[in-house]
C-alpha atoms as a PDB file:
ATOM      1  CA  UNK A   1     -35.531   3.955  -1.183  1.00  0.00           C
ATOM      2  CA  UNK A   2     -34.137   5.631  -4.270  1.00  0.00           C
ATOM      3  CA  UNK A   3     -30.596   6.938  -3.692  1.00  0.00           C
ATOM      4  CA  UNK A   4     -29.828  10.576  -4.480  1.00  0.00           C
ATOM      5  CA  UNK A   5     -26.764  11.740  -6.407  1.00  0.00           C
ATOM      6  CA  UNK A   6     -24.646  12.219  -3.262  1.00  0.00           C
ATOM      7  CA  UNK A   7     -25.391   8.677  -2.059  1.00  0.00           C
ATOM      8  CA  UNK A   8     -24.703   7.244  -5.517  1.00  0.00           C
ATOM      9  CA  UNK A   9     -21.301   8.932  -5.673  1.00  0.00           C
ATOM     10  CA  UNK A  10     -20.460   7.813  -2.128  1.00  0.00           C
ATOM     11  CA  UNK A  11     -21.223   4.232  -3.109  1.00  0.00           C
ATOM     12  CA  UNK A  12     -18.261   4.344  -5.513  1.00  0.00           C
ATOM     13  CA  UNK A  13     -15.822   5.855  -3.025  1.00  0.00           C
ATOM     14  CA  UNK A  14     -14.328   2.589  -1.626  1.00  0.00           C
ATOM     15  CA  UNK A  15     -13.492   1.298  -5.115  1.00  0.00           C
ATOM     16  CA  UNK A  16     -12.055   4.686  -6.132  1.00  0.00           C
ATOM     17  CA  UNK A  17      -9.965   4.763  -2.964  1.00  0.00           C
ATOM     18  CA  UNK A  18      -8.495   1.345  -3.728  1.00  0.00           C
ATOM     19  CA  UNK A  19      -7.825   2.165  -7.390  1.00  0.00           C
ATOM     20  CA  UNK A  20      -6.216   5.472  -6.428  1.00  0.00           C
ATOM     21  CA  UNK A  21      -3.867   3.716  -4.005  1.00  0.00           C
ATOM     22  CA  UNK A  22      -2.808   1.185  -6.632  1.00  0.00           C
ATOM     23  CA  UNK A  23      -2.210   3.907  -9.211  1.00  0.00           C
ATOM     24  CA  UNK A  24      -0.095   5.852  -6.710  1.00  0.00           C
ATOM     25  CA  UNK A  25       2.109   2.791  -6.239  1.00  0.00           C
ATOM     26  CA  UNK A  26       2.462   2.151  -9.968  1.00  0.00           C
ATOM     27  CA  UNK A  27       2.916   5.612 -11.443  1.00  0.00           C
ATOM     28  CA  UNK A  28       4.797   7.599  -8.793  1.00  0.00           C
ATOM     29  CA  UNK A  29       8.425   7.992  -9.874  1.00  0.00           C
ATOM     30  CA  UNK A  30       9.871   8.225  -6.353  1.00  0.00           C
ATOM     31  CA  UNK A  31       9.044   5.581  -3.765  1.00  0.00           C
ATOM     32  CA  UNK A  32       8.393   7.999  -0.915  1.00  0.00           C
ATOM     33  CA  UNK A  33       6.055  10.023  -3.126  1.00  0.00           C
ATOM     34  CA  UNK A  34       4.132   6.809  -3.690  1.00  0.00           C
ATOM     35  CA  UNK A  35       4.060   6.068   0.032  1.00  0.00           C
ATOM     36  CA  UNK A  36       2.831   9.544   0.939  1.00  0.00           C
ATOM     37  CA  UNK A  37       0.094   9.443  -1.698  1.00  0.00           C
ATOM     38  CA  UNK A  38      -1.092   6.037  -0.480  1.00  0.00           C
ATOM     39  CA  UNK A  39      -1.207   7.214   3.133  1.00  0.00           C
ATOM     40  CA  UNK A  40      -3.214  10.298   2.192  1.00  0.00           C
ATOM     41  CA  UNK A  41      -5.694   8.309   0.093  1.00  0.00           C
ATOM     42  CA  UNK A  42      -6.098   5.496   2.625  1.00  0.00           C
ATOM     43  CA  UNK A  43      -5.986   7.323   5.951  1.00  0.00           C
ATOM     44  CA  UNK A  44      -6.298  11.112   5.583  1.00  0.00           C
ATOM     45  CA  UNK A  45      -8.802  11.795   2.801  1.00  0.00           C
ATOM     46  CA  UNK A  46     -11.745   9.732   4.182  1.00  0.00           C
ATOM     47  CA  UNK A  47     -11.846  11.311   7.684  1.00  0.00           C
ATOM     48  CA  UNK A  48     -11.410  14.810   6.231  1.00  0.00           C
ATOM     49  CA  UNK A  49     -14.353  14.246   3.876  1.00  0.00           C
ATOM     50  CA  UNK A  50     -16.332  12.923   6.826  1.00  0.00           C
ATOM     51  CA  UNK A  51     -15.622  16.067   8.843  1.00  0.00           C
ATOM     52  CA  UNK A  52     -16.766  18.238   5.936  1.00  0.00           C
ATOM     53  CA  UNK A  53     -20.038  16.301   5.715  1.00  0.00           C
ATOM     54  CA  UNK A  54     -20.590  16.646   9.467  1.00  0.00           C
ATOM     55  CA  UNK A  55     -19.988  20.397   9.280  1.00  0.00           C
ATOM     56  CA  UNK A  56     -22.806  20.558   6.728  1.00  0.00           C
ATOM     57  CA  UNK A  57     -25.145  18.344   8.747  1.00  0.00           C
ATOM     58  CA  UNK A  58     -24.630  16.063  11.774  1.00  0.00           C
ATOM     59  CA  UNK A  59     -27.147  13.160  11.909  1.00  0.00           C
ATOM     60  CA  UNK A  60     -28.577  12.040  15.237  1.00  0.00           C
ATOM     61  CA  UNK A  61     -31.639  10.329  16.668  1.00  0.00           C
ATOM     62  CA  UNK A  62     -34.125   8.342  14.595  1.00  0.00           C
ATOM     63  CA  UNK A  63     -34.297   9.281  10.913  1.00  0.00           C
ATOM     64  CA  UNK A  64     -35.248   7.781   7.565  1.00  0.00           C
ATOM     65  CA  UNK A  65     -32.641   6.940   4.954  1.00  0.00           C
ATOM     66  CA  UNK A  66     -34.435   9.220   2.498  1.00  0.00           C
ATOM     67  CA  UNK A  67     -33.897  12.259   4.753  1.00  0.00           C
ATOM     68  CA  UNK A  68     -30.874  14.551   4.719  1.00  0.00           C
ATOM     69  CA  UNK A  69     -29.635  12.950   7.939  1.00  0.00           C
ATOM     70  CA  UNK A  70     -29.960   9.504   6.370  1.00  0.00           C
ATOM     71  CA  UNK A  71     -28.104  10.586   3.246  1.00  0.00           C
ATOM     72  CA  UNK A  72     -25.233  12.112   5.237  1.00  0.00           C
ATOM     73  CA  UNK A  73     -24.951   9.023   7.444  1.00  0.00           C
ATOM     74  CA  UNK A  74     -24.858   6.764   4.359  1.00  0.00           C
ATOM     75  CA  UNK A  75     -22.051   8.844   2.858  1.00  0.00           C
ATOM     76  CA  UNK A  76     -19.996   8.721   6.066  1.00  0.00           C
ATOM     77  CA  UNK A  77     -20.558   4.974   6.223  1.00  0.00           C
ATOM     78  CA  UNK A  78     -19.293   4.496   2.653  1.00  0.00           C
ATOM     79  CA  UNK A  79     -16.149   6.444   3.523  1.00  0.00           C
ATOM     80  CA  UNK A  80     -15.389   3.666   6.043  1.00  0.00           C
ATOM     81  CA  UNK A  81     -16.258   0.594   3.967  1.00  0.00           C
ATOM     82  CA  UNK A  82     -12.677  -0.191   2.900  1.00  0.00           C
ATOM     83  CA  UNK A  83     -11.569  -0.668   6.526  1.00  0.00           C
ATOM     84  CA  UNK A  84     -14.230  -3.313   7.011  1.00  0.00           C
ATOM     85  CA  UNK A  85     -13.209  -5.098   3.819  1.00  0.00           C
ATOM     86  CA  UNK A  86      -9.488  -4.847   4.605  1.00  0.00           C
ATOM     87  CA  UNK A  87      -9.246  -4.848   8.419  1.00  0.00           C
ATOM     88  CA  UNK A  88      -5.439  -5.050   8.364  1.00  0.00           C
ATOM     89  CA  UNK A  89      -5.407  -1.336   7.453  1.00  0.00           C
ATOM     90  CA  UNK A  90      -6.632  -0.476  10.945  1.00  0.00           C
ATOM     91  CA  UNK A  91      -4.505  -3.129  12.629  1.00  0.00           C
ATOM     92  CA  UNK A  92      -1.419  -1.390  11.231  1.00  0.00           C
ATOM     93  CA  UNK A  93      -2.460   1.814  13.017  1.00  0.00           C
ATOM     94  CA  UNK A  94      -2.998  -0.046  16.303  1.00  0.00           C
ATOM     95  CA  UNK A  95       0.615  -1.233  16.354  1.00  0.00           C
ATOM     96  CA  UNK A  96       1.809   2.288  17.227  1.00  0.00           C
ATOM     97  CA  UNK A  97       0.431   3.356  20.653  1.00  0.00           C
ATOM     98  CA  UNK A  98      -1.965   6.289  20.408  1.00  0.00           C
ATOM     99  CA  UNK A  99      -1.979   6.361  16.606  1.00  0.00           C
ATOM    100  CA  UNK A 100      -5.317   4.635  16.168  1.00  0.00           C
ATOM    101  CA  UNK A 101      -6.998   6.799  18.829  1.00  0.00           C
ATOM    102  CA  UNK A 102      -5.644   9.951  17.147  1.00  0.00           C
ATOM    103  CA  UNK A 103      -6.976   8.722  13.798  1.00  0.00           C
ATOM    104  CA  UNK A 104     -10.441   8.168  15.276  1.00  0.00           C
ATOM    105  CA  UNK A 105     -10.315  11.709  16.639  1.00  0.00           C
ATOM    106  CA  UNK A 106      -9.595  12.917  13.112  1.00  0.00           C
ATOM    107  CA  UNK A 107     -12.923  11.365  12.081  1.00  0.00           C
ATOM    108  CA  UNK A 108     -14.753  13.474  14.665  1.00  0.00           C
ATOM    109  CA  UNK A 109     -14.791  11.237  17.755  1.00  0.00           C
ATOM    110  CA  UNK A 110     -13.398  12.092  21.191  1.00  0.00           C
ATOM    111  CA  UNK A 111     -10.917   9.311  21.964  1.00  0.00           C
ATOM    112  CA  UNK A 112      -8.190   9.392  24.602  1.00  0.00           C
ATOM    113  CA  UNK A 113      -4.690   8.519  23.431  1.00  0.00           C
ATOM    114  CA  UNK A 114      -4.492   6.316  26.548  1.00  0.00           C
ATOM    115  CA  UNK A 115      -6.874   3.707  25.152  1.00  0.00           C
ATOM    116  CA  UNK A 116      -5.868   0.105  24.557  1.00  0.00           C
ATOM    117  CA  UNK A 117      -7.292  -1.490  21.416  1.00  0.00           C
ATOM    118  CA  UNK A 118      -7.015  -5.278  21.251  1.00  0.00           C
ATOM    119  CA  UNK A 119      -6.819  -6.985  17.841  1.00  0.00           C
ATOM    120  CA  UNK A 120      -9.947  -7.491  15.791  1.00  0.00           C
ATOM    121  CA  UNK A 121     -12.055  -4.620  17.096  1.00  0.00           C
ATOM    122  CA  UNK A 122     -14.725  -3.628  14.565  1.00  0.00           C
ATOM    123  CA  UNK A 123     -16.105  -0.079  14.593  1.00  0.00           C
ATOM    124  CA  UNK A 124     -19.019   0.784  12.320  1.00  0.00           C
ATOM    125  CA  UNK A 125     -19.119   4.553  12.828  1.00  0.00           C
ATOM    126  CA  UNK A 126     -15.720   6.075  13.532  1.00  0.00           C
ATOM    127  CA  UNK A 127     -17.116   9.543  14.213  1.00  0.00           C
ATOM    128  CA  UNK A 128     -19.565   8.407  16.915  1.00  0.00           C
ATOM    129  CA  UNK A 129     -17.258   7.491  19.793  1.00  0.00           C
ATOM    130  CA  UNK A 130     -16.500   9.033  23.172  1.00  0.00           C
ATOM    131  CA  UNK A 131     -13.712   7.031  24.804  1.00  0.00           C
ATOM    132  CA  UNK A 132     -12.173   8.379  27.996  1.00  0.00           C
ATOM    133  CA  UNK A 133      -8.726   7.782  29.462  1.00  0.00           C
ATOM    134  CA  UNK A 134      -7.673   4.268  30.518  1.00  0.00           C
ATOM    135  CA  UNK A 135     -10.343   2.339  28.604  1.00  0.00           C
ATOM    136  CA  UNK A 136      -9.438  -1.192  27.500  1.00  0.00           C
ATOM    137  CA  UNK A 137     -11.276  -2.594  24.482  1.00  0.00           C
ATOM    138  CA  UNK A 138     -10.999  -6.385  24.293  1.00  0.00           C
ATOM    139  CA  UNK A 139     -10.415  -8.584  21.231  1.00  0.00           C
ATOM    140  CA  UNK A 140     -13.026  -8.708  18.460  1.00  0.00           C
ATOM    141  CA  UNK A 141     -15.435  -6.246  20.044  1.00  0.00           C
ATOM    142  CA  UNK A 142     -18.101  -4.692  17.841  1.00  0.00           C
ATOM    143  CA  UNK A 143     -18.993  -1.030  18.387  1.00  0.00           C
ATOM    144  CA  UNK A 144     -21.735   0.481  16.259  1.00  0.00           C
ATOM    145  CA  UNK A 145     -23.137   3.991  16.283  1.00  0.00           C
ATOM    146  CA  UNK A 146     -26.244   3.047  14.320  1.00  0.00           C
ATOM    147  CA  UNK A 147     -28.965   0.442  14.002  1.00  0.00           C
ATOM    148  CA  UNK A 148     -31.175  -0.008  10.936  1.00  0.00           C
ATOM    149  CA  UNK A 149     -34.763  -1.255  11.274  1.00  0.00           C
ATOM    150  CA  UNK A 150     -37.270  -2.030   8.534  1.00  0.00           C
ATOM    151  CA  UNK A 151     -40.725  -0.808   9.562  1.00  0.00           C
ATOM    152  CA  UNK A 152     -43.734  -2.656   8.133  1.00  0.00           C
ATOM    153  CA  UNK A 153     -46.408  -1.428  10.515  1.00  0.00           C
ATOM    154  CA  UNK A 154     -49.602   0.185   9.283  1.00  0.00           C
ATOM    155  CA  UNK A 155     -49.410   3.103  11.687  1.00  0.00           C
ATOM    156  CA  UNK A 156     -45.945   4.340  10.790  1.00  0.00           C
ATOM    157  CA  UNK A 157     -44.181   5.441   7.664  1.00  0.00           C
ATOM    158  CA  UNK A 158     -42.981   2.343   5.857  1.00  0.00           C
ATOM    159  CA  UNK A 159     -39.342   1.890   4.987  1.00  0.00           C
ATOM    160  CA  UNK A 160     -35.968   1.733   6.716  1.00  0.00           C
ATOM    161  CA  UNK A 161     -35.522   3.773   9.880  1.00  0.00           C
ATOM    162  CA  UNK A 162     -32.064   4.553  11.165  1.00  0.00           C
ATOM    163  CA  UNK A 163     -31.233   5.225  14.814  1.00  0.00           C
ATOM    164  CA  UNK A 164     -27.936   7.052  15.385  1.00  0.00           C
ATOM    165  CA  UNK A 165     -26.172   7.683  18.680  1.00  0.00           C
ATOM    166  CA  UNK A 166     -22.710   8.161  20.169  1.00  0.00           C
ATOM    167  CA  UNK A 167     -21.189   5.216  22.060  1.00  0.00           C
ATOM    168  CA  UNK A 168     -19.481   6.188  25.319  1.00  0.00           C
ATOM    169  CA  UNK A 169     -16.907   4.337  27.425  1.00  0.00           C
ATOM    170  CA  UNK A 170     -16.111   6.289  30.564  1.00  0.00           C
ATOM    171  CA  UNK A 171     -12.762   6.500  32.331  1.00  0.00           C
ATOM    172  CA  UNK A 172     -11.146   3.147  33.118  1.00  0.00           C
ATOM    173  CA  UNK A 173     -13.914   0.992  31.631  1.00  0.00           C
ATOM    174  CA  UNK A 174     -13.090  -2.482  30.330  1.00  0.00           C
ATOM    175  CA  UNK A 175     -14.938  -3.964  27.355  1.00  0.00           C
ATOM    176  CA  UNK A 176     -14.744  -7.759  27.336  1.00  0.00           C
ATOM    177  CA  UNK A 177     -13.785  -9.810  24.284  1.00  0.00           C
ATOM    178  CA  UNK A 178     -16.459 -10.059  21.567  1.00  0.00           C
ATOM    179  CA  UNK A 179     -18.791  -7.698  23.413  1.00  0.00           C
ATOM    180  CA  UNK A 180     -21.229  -5.683  21.286  1.00  0.00           C
ATOM    181  CA  UNK A 181     -22.086  -2.039  21.964  1.00  0.00           C
ATOM    182  CA  UNK A 182     -24.978  -0.445  20.111  1.00  0.00           C
ATOM    183  CA  UNK A 183     -25.672   3.240  19.414  1.00  0.00           C
ATOM    184  CA  UNK A 184     -26.061   5.473  22.444  1.00  0.00           C
ATOM    185  CA  UNK A 185     -24.625   2.891  24.860  1.00  0.00           C
ATOM    186  CA  UNK A 186     -22.689   3.976  27.931  1.00  0.00           C
ATOM    187  CA  UNK A 187     -20.256   1.860  29.952  1.00  0.00           C
ATOM    188  CA  UNK A 188     -19.760   3.635  33.274  1.00  0.00           C
ATOM    189  CA  UNK A 189     -16.373   4.567  34.692  1.00  0.00           C
ATOM    190  CA  UNK A 190     -14.427   1.660  36.139  1.00  0.00           C
ATOM    191  CA  UNK A 191     -17.013  -0.912  35.021  1.00  0.00           C
ATOM    192  CA  UNK A 192     -16.291  -4.160  33.171  1.00  0.00           C
ATOM    193  CA  UNK A 193     -18.673  -5.216  30.414  1.00  0.00           C
ATOM    194  CA  UNK A 194     -18.532  -9.042  30.326  1.00  0.00           C
ATOM    195  CA  UNK A 195     -17.110 -10.875  27.324  1.00  0.00           C
ATOM    196  CA  UNK A 196     -19.607 -11.584  24.506  1.00  0.00           C
ATOM    197  CA  UNK A 197     -22.248  -9.396  26.205  1.00  0.00           C
ATOM    198  CA  UNK A 198     -24.537  -7.506  23.770  1.00  0.00           C
ATOM    199  CA  UNK A 199     -25.411  -4.084  25.178  1.00  0.00           C
ATOM    200  CA  UNK A 200     -28.632  -2.879  23.478  1.00  0.00           C
ATOM    201  CA  UNK A 201     -28.921   0.613  21.992  1.00  0.00           C
ATOM    202  CA  UNK A 202     -29.198   3.543  24.413  1.00  0.00           C
ATOM    203  CA  UNK A 203     -28.647   1.431  27.521  1.00  0.00           C
ATOM    204  CA  UNK A 204     -26.126   1.922  30.315  1.00  0.00           C
ATOM    205  CA  UNK A 205     -23.861  -0.616  32.011  1.00  0.00           C
ATOM    206  CA  UNK A 206     -23.216   0.395  35.605  1.00  0.00           C
ATOM    207  CA  UNK A 207     -23.045  -1.410  38.932  1.00  0.00           C
ATOM    208  CA  UNK A 208     -22.474  -4.707  37.158  1.00  0.00           C
ATOM    209  CA  UNK A 209     -25.846  -4.697  35.389  1.00  0.00           C
ATOM    210  CA  UNK A 210     -27.666  -3.225  32.437  1.00  0.00           C
ATOM    211  CA  UNK A 211     -29.994  -0.292  32.983  1.00  0.00           C
ATOM    212  CA  UNK A 212     -33.080   0.514  30.951  1.00  0.00           C
ATOM    213  CA  UNK A 213     -32.456   2.149  27.559  1.00  0.00           C
ATOM    214  CA  UNK A 214     -33.164   5.830  27.274  1.00  0.00           C
ATOM    215  CA  UNK A 215     -35.132   7.342  24.432  1.00  0.00           C
ATOM    216  CA  UNK A 216     -32.979   8.726  21.569  1.00  0.00           C
ATOM    217  CA  UNK A 217     -33.565  12.321  20.593  1.00  0.00           C
ATOM    218  CA  UNK A 218     -35.145  12.951  17.177  1.00  0.00           C
END
């Protein structure tokens, strides 16, 4: 796949974000000016840019990376790269109750302020979450709103296909340590997903067992 101009520019965003933060610390004459500029660059600018992209086009279902949906998803993903490289940035937000949930809502998710986030949680798509009140997310969980598959079959279009879906944790659900939730997954209200359990894309955990995945919409 040959990247378009928007994808090429997005690829440079994490480095620009880091350089901008360093420059704000070095060149600002007043310390609180420097602090405010760093906070805006690190925490406010990326989710606002993400919201603008989603207003233009909101990807969902199964798409190719070469499509408009694929390009928009790639750009939103690049806006989040720095938090994967430097996970302490998100851990700082989790220290203050409700702050991290509010930040995820700024990205475009629906996240209750009454959500407990244990250390080490990794989220791939911060705009693809629906987390209801009283949910507990255990240590080092992985939550992804996408899955990328390389298709080599003769009957389908060759190349990378991307499946995108919102991950949902209903009221009072508990996600065990190191569990993995794929795109479109649902953990039912009051249910406990066991530790280290990988929940496949578009499946539902209810009644203490996994139910058959549903078909994503195109």
